[in-house]
Structure formats: structure tokens, C-alpha cells
């Protein structure tokens, strides 16, 4: 049975998804070249990943806390920068689907098939990361926010350290006035890929899932380096607190 929180979230998803793509902005293709074998692997992995998110996502039973914070960020009207940990990308992809959110993804092999998976679920992919193409990707995401499309960061990606927030969301908020919306997804039952740097979580079918959404954070235009550092620390504290709440919910 779908609870009231999930019904509210799903209703907002449909409303937010209406008109996506009307901005006319086209996102740049990945500038990196892949071999024929790599392209084949990306094609297969992206289709399998899309189906996995689709089939398992439909079975998840959601509990939502902090939806009023999403509504508050939406009322500001300057866009939302969704900010979360890399390990939660599977469940987050399903929950926030069909909104046209532009996500920064890595230009490497893994990043490319992830980009294609999320694109099939109604996202945009801006190819760049803290190690390659960050400036171009941030500028692209800023244009998207100004044209009415939201943005997102797996803020400790693409290679970690795990649970250490990088600067992208702060830089983007300062330049656009968009709200940073930190959230965390917790799963009652999930397979954890222990050998990956982020310990990716793959939810089991019919698992209970919870999403915790924090109040929006905005970086004033022209904020000093010191002010940006303070906001960066606030983002880190917020995500750490959401993670603790998620762990308490699970156990």
C-alpha cells in the first residue's frame, strides 16, 4: 500500500515533470572517445541498469520526511540543487525521476553508462567531475538552472572519499541563487557493494525506503571565500545529520 507521504511525492513528481525540456537547451555530449567494445558494454549496461531501476523501483515502499522543505525550495523559484551521497544513486534515481533534473556525471566509462541510465529515467546528464571537465559542466548546469531546470550532485563523487562533500553545489548556488536541497535515502534491505569506493547500495525488491530532506540552503551572490567555506561546512553537517537519521530509521 502506498502511504500518504509517497502519494504526495508522486503527485509533485508529475507536476514538476510537466513541460520539462521546454527550455530548448541541449546538453553537450561526452567529449571522451570510447572503443567499439566499450561502446557495446555501455549500451548493454545502460539497458540493464534502466530495467533494474524501473522494475525494483516500482516495488519500493517509501517513507518521506521533510517534504515541506522541498516545497519551500520550490517556492523560492530560483531552482533546486539536489545534493546527496553517491552510494544512493539507484534509489534516488527512482524517487526523483521524470523531473528533467540535470545531474553532473563523470566522463569516464562508469560515468557514461550511469548517465545513460538516468537519461532514460527522465534526467539530463552534464558530463564533468571534480577531476575532469568541472568548469564546463558547472557552466552548463548554471545555464540549465537559469532556464528553469533543476540540477543535482552526488556530492562525494566520482571517486570519493566517501561521505566527504565537495564544493560543486556551493559554487553553483552562489552563481545562480538556487537552493541547495540536501537529502538522504535509507533502505531497510539492500545489497551493499563492499568493494566499491562508495559502497553502493542496491535495494532489494519490496524493501522499505525512507528519504530525509533538509531545509534549503542558499549561498548569497557574491559571497566571500570565507562565507562559502562556512556554507560548505553546513552542507557537510546537514548531510551527516541526515545520514544519522537514516541509520536510526533502519535500525
Protein backbone atom coordinates (compact mmCIF):
# COMPACT_ATOMS: atom_id res chain seq x y z
CA UNK A 1 0.00 0.00 0.00
CA UNK A 2 1.28 3.49 -0.84
CA UNK A 3 1.28 5.82 2.16
CA UNK A 4 0.22 9.47 2.14
CA UNK A 5 3.81 10.74 2.00
CA UNK A 6 4.54 8.74 -1.13
CA UNK A 7 1.30 9.87 -2.77
CA UNK A 8 2.31 13.47 -2.11
CA UNK A 9 5.78 12.90 -3.55
CA UNK A 10 4.50 11.12 -6.65
CA UNK A 11 1.95 13.86 -7.30
CA UNK A 12 4.65 16.52 -7.12
CA UNK A 13 6.83 14.47 -9.44
CA UNK A 14 4.19 14.54 -12.14
CA UNK A 15 3.62 18.27 -11.76
CA UNK A 16 7.33 19.03 -11.75
CA UNK A 17 7.87 16.91 -14.84
CA UNK A 18 5.33 18.80 -16.92
CA UNK A 19 6.99 20.99 -19.50
CA UNK A 20 10.49 19.61 -18.94
CA UNK A 21 12.62 20.21 -21.98
CA UNK A 22 10.85 23.42 -22.98
CA UNK A 23 13.98 25.47 -22.24
CA UNK A 24 15.48 24.46 -25.58
CA UNK A 25 18.89 23.85 -24.01
CA UNK A 26 20.80 20.87 -25.35
CA UNK A 27 23.37 19.26 -23.09
CA UNK A 28 26.80 18.56 -24.54
CA UNK A 29 27.79 15.03 -25.48
CA UNK A 30 30.65 13.28 -23.71
CA UNK A 31 33.89 14.58 -25.27
CA UNK A 32 35.70 11.38 -24.34
CA UNK A 33 36.09 8.71 -27.03
CA UNK A 34 35.38 5.06 -26.26
CA UNK A 35 36.42 1.94 -28.14
CA UNK A 36 33.86 -0.11 -30.03
CA UNK A 37 33.95 -2.74 -27.27
CA UNK A 38 33.46 -0.09 -24.59
CA UNK A 39 30.53 1.40 -26.52
CA UNK A 40 28.94 -2.05 -26.68
CA UNK A 41 29.44 -2.55 -22.94
CA UNK A 42 27.95 0.88 -22.20
CA UNK A 43 24.93 0.07 -24.39
CA UNK A 44 24.28 -3.25 -22.60
CA UNK A 45 24.97 -1.95 -19.08
CA UNK A 46 22.73 1.08 -19.53
CA UNK A 47 19.77 -1.03 -20.71
CA UNK A 48 20.19 -3.49 -17.86
CA UNK A 49 20.55 -0.64 -15.37
CA UNK A 50 17.46 1.11 -16.69
CA UNK A 51 15.36 -2.03 -16.32
CA UNK A 52 16.75 -2.75 -12.83
CA UNK A 53 15.81 0.73 -11.60
CA UNK A 54 12.40 0.50 -13.27
CA UNK A 55 11.44 -2.94 -12.00
CA UNK A 56 12.83 -2.69 -8.47
CA UNK A 57 11.93 0.98 -8.05
CA UNK A 58 8.26 0.20 -8.58
CA UNK A 59 8.28 -2.19 -5.63
CA UNK A 60 9.88 0.12 -3.05
CA UNK A 61 7.66 1.32 -0.20
CA UNK A 62 8.56 4.89 0.69
CA UNK A 63 8.52 6.90 3.90
CA UNK A 64 9.11 10.64 3.37
CA UNK A 65 10.31 13.15 5.96
CA UNK A 66 10.84 16.83 5.20
CA UNK A 67 8.67 17.21 2.11
CA UNK A 68 7.80 20.70 3.30
CA UNK A 69 11.48 21.58 2.75
CA UNK A 70 11.19 20.59 -0.93
CA UNK A 71 8.08 22.77 -1.17
CA UNK A 72 9.92 25.68 0.46
CA UNK A 73 12.80 25.39 -2.02
CA UNK A 74 10.32 25.22 -4.91
CA UNK A 75 8.54 28.38 -3.77
CA UNK A 76 11.79 30.36 -4.00
CA UNK A 77 11.55 30.00 -7.77
CA UNK A 78 15.29 30.07 -8.49
CA UNK A 79 15.81 26.36 -8.94
CA UNK A 80 16.92 23.47 -6.76
CA UNK A 81 20.34 21.84 -6.48
CA UNK A 82 19.71 18.30 -5.18
CA UNK A 83 22.70 17.17 -3.12
CA UNK A 84 23.28 13.62 -1.84
CA UNK A 85 25.82 10.82 -1.41
CA UNK A 86 26.99 8.77 -4.40
CA UNK A 87 26.04 5.41 -2.88
CA UNK A 88 22.32 6.32 -3.01
CA UNK A 89 22.12 6.93 -6.75
CA UNK A 90 19.97 3.86 -7.54
CA UNK A 91 17.13 4.73 -5.16
CA UNK A 92 17.44 8.48 -5.72
CA UNK A 93 17.19 7.94 -9.48
CA UNK A 94 13.80 6.32 -8.99
CA UNK A 95 12.40 8.74 -6.40
CA UNK A 96 13.19 11.97 -8.31
CA UNK A 97 12.54 10.59 -11.82
CA UNK A 98 10.85 12.45 -14.71
CA UNK A 99 11.74 15.94 -13.47
CA UNK A 100 14.35 16.83 -16.07
CA UNK A 101 16.96 17.31 -13.31
CA UNK A 102 20.45 17.79 -14.75
CA UNK A 103 23.00 15.62 -12.93
CA UNK A 104 26.77 16.03 -13.11
CA UNK A 105 28.23 12.69 -14.22
CA UNK A 106 31.80 11.63 -14.81
CA UNK A 107 33.22 11.44 -18.33
CA UNK A 108 34.77 8.02 -17.68
CA UNK A 109 33.38 4.60 -18.61
CA UNK A 110 31.32 4.10 -15.43
CA UNK A 111 30.02 7.66 -15.56
CA UNK A 112 28.85 7.24 -19.15
CA UNK A 113 26.62 4.23 -18.58
CA UNK A 114 25.26 5.84 -15.40
CA UNK A 115 24.50 8.96 -17.45
CA UNK A 116 22.57 6.92 -19.98
CA UNK A 117 20.60 5.10 -17.28
CA UNK A 118 19.45 8.31 -15.64
CA UNK A 119 18.67 9.91 -19.02
CA UNK A 120 16.25 7.05 -19.73
CA UNK A 121 14.54 7.88 -16.44
CA UNK A 122 13.95 11.50 -17.39
CA UNK A 123 17.14 13.24 -16.23
CA UNK A 124 19.73 15.28 -18.07
CA UNK A 125 23.44 14.46 -17.80
CA UNK A 126 26.17 17.09 -17.71
CA UNK A 127 29.49 15.33 -18.29
CA UNK A 128 32.09 16.55 -15.86
CA UNK A 129 33.51 15.94 -12.39
CA UNK A 130 35.91 17.36 -9.85
CA UNK A 131 38.76 15.72 -11.77
CA UNK A 132 37.76 16.39 -15.39
CA UNK A 133 35.55 18.95 -17.15
CA UNK A 134 34.22 20.51 -13.93
CA UNK A 135 34.26 24.13 -15.12
CA UNK A 136 32.44 23.41 -18.38
CA UNK A 137 29.88 21.23 -16.61
CA UNK A 138 29.19 23.80 -13.87
CA UNK A 139 28.63 26.49 -16.50
CA UNK A 140 26.23 24.16 -18.34
CA UNK A 141 24.32 23.39 -15.14
CA UNK A 142 24.11 27.11 -14.32
CA UNK A 143 22.51 27.77 -17.72
CA UNK A 144 20.03 24.97 -17.06
CA UNK A 145 19.06 26.41 -13.66
CA UNK A 146 18.55 29.87 -15.13
CA UNK A 147 16.31 28.38 -17.81
CA UNK A 148 14.12 26.51 -15.33
CA UNK A 149 15.74 23.08 -15.00
CA UNK A 150 16.99 21.84 -11.62
CA UNK A 151 20.44 20.33 -11.02
CA UNK A 152 21.93 17.58 -8.85
CA UNK A 153 25.27 16.40 -7.46
CA UNK A 154 26.40 13.11 -6.00
CA UNK A 155 28.48 15.37 -3.84
CA UNK A 156 31.23 12.94 -2.80
CA UNK A 157 31.71 11.56 -6.33
CA UNK A 158 33.09 10.46 -8.64
CA UNK A 159 35.80 8.70 -6.61
CA UNK A 160 35.39 9.87 -3.04
CA UNK A 161 36.40 9.99 -0.27
CA UNK A 162 33.03 8.56 0.76
CA UNK A 163 30.80 10.94 2.73
CA UNK A 164 33.07 13.95 2.15
CA UNK A 165 31.17 16.75 0.40
CA UNK A 166 32.90 18.58 -2.44
CA UNK A 167 32.32 22.21 -3.44
CA UNK A 168 30.10 21.93 -6.53
CA UNK A 169 26.71 22.71 -5.01
CA UNK A 170 28.07 25.75 -3.14
CA UNK A 171 29.68 27.19 -6.28
CA UNK A 172 26.50 26.64 -8.28
CA UNK A 173 24.22 28.17 -5.65
CA UNK A 174 26.45 31.26 -5.39
CA UNK A 175 26.33 31.86 -9.12
CA UNK A 176 22.59 31.20 -9.66
CA UNK A 177 20.78 31.81 -6.35
CA UNK A 178 19.34 28.27 -6.49
CA UNK A 179 18.62 26.43 -3.24
CA UNK A 180 20.83 23.55 -2.14
CA UNK A 181 18.49 20.74 -1.09
CA UNK A 182 20.34 18.01 0.81
CA UNK A 183 18.64 14.64 1.12
CA UNK A 184 19.46 11.11 2.21
CA UNK A 185 17.92 7.77 1.22
CA UNK A 186 17.91 4.91 3.74
CA UNK A 187 16.97 1.32 2.88
CA UNK A 188 15.75 -1.39 5.20
CA UNK A 189 17.07 -4.15 2.95
CA UNK A 190 19.81 -3.65 0.38
CA UNK A 191 22.81 -5.36 -1.14
CA UNK A 192 25.96 -3.32 -0.48
CA UNK A 193 28.85 -3.48 -2.94
CA UNK A 194 31.59 -3.56 -0.28
CA UNK A 195 34.48 -3.46 -2.76
CA UNK A 196 33.41 -0.19 -4.39
CA UNK A 197 34.76 3.10 -3.02
CA UNK A 198 31.27 4.37 -2.15
CA UNK A 199 29.78 1.02 -1.06
CA UNK A 200 26.89 1.40 -3.49
CA UNK A 201 23.50 0.31 -2.17
CA UNK A 202 21.27 -1.82 -4.39
CA UNK A 203 17.79 -2.12 -2.83
CA UNK A 204 16.12 -5.49 -2.61
CA UNK A 205 12.68 -5.73 -4.24
CA UNK A 206 9.82 -4.65 -1.95
CA UNK A 207 12.21 -3.11 0.56
CA UNK A 208 11.06 -0.20 2.70
CA UNK A 209 12.85 3.03 1.81
CA UNK A 210 12.96 6.39 3.54
CA UNK A 211 14.01 9.76 2.23
CA UNK A 212 15.02 12.56 4.60
CA UNK A 213 15.02 16.09 3.14
CA UNK A 214 16.71 19.02 4.89
CA UNK A 215 15.73 22.71 4.80
CA UNK A 216 17.13 24.52 1.74
CA UNK A 217 20.49 26.29 1.90
CA UNK A 218 21.23 29.32 -0.27
CA UNK A 219 24.63 30.92 -0.91
CA UNK A 220 24.26 34.70 -1.42
CA UNK A 221 25.50 36.05 -4.74
CA UNK A 222 29.00 37.42 -4.32
CA UNK A 223 29.59 35.50 -1.06
CA UNK A 224 33.20 35.70 0.10
CA UNK A 225 35.55 32.73 0.21
CA UNK A 226 35.07 32.57 3.96
CA UNK A 227 31.28 32.56 3.60
CA UNK A 228 31.49 29.81 1.00
CA UNK A 229 33.65 27.74 3.33
CA UNK A 230 31.07 28.14 6.10
CA UNK A 231 28.31 27.04 3.74
CA UNK A 232 30.40 24.07 2.64
CA UNK A 233 30.71 23.06 6.29
CA UNK A 234 26.95 23.49 6.68
CA UNK A 235 26.30 21.20 3.71
CA UNK A 236 28.62 18.60 5.23
CA UNK A 237 26.94 18.83 8.65
CA UNK A 238 23.50 18.63 7.07
CA UNK A 239 24.32 15.50 5.08
CA UNK A 240 25.97 13.91 8.13
CA UNK A 241 22.85 14.61 10.21
CA UNK A 242 20.55 13.18 7.54
CA UNK A 243 22.75 10.08 7.38
CA UNK A 244 22.49 9.60 11.16
CA UNK A 245 18.70 9.95 10.95
CA UNK A 246 18.63 7.38 8.19
CA UNK A 247 20.75 4.92 10.18
CA UNK A 248 18.44 5.34 13.18
CA UNK A 249 15.41 4.65 10.96
CA UNK A 250 16.99 1.50 9.53
CA UNK A 251 17.96 0.03 12.90
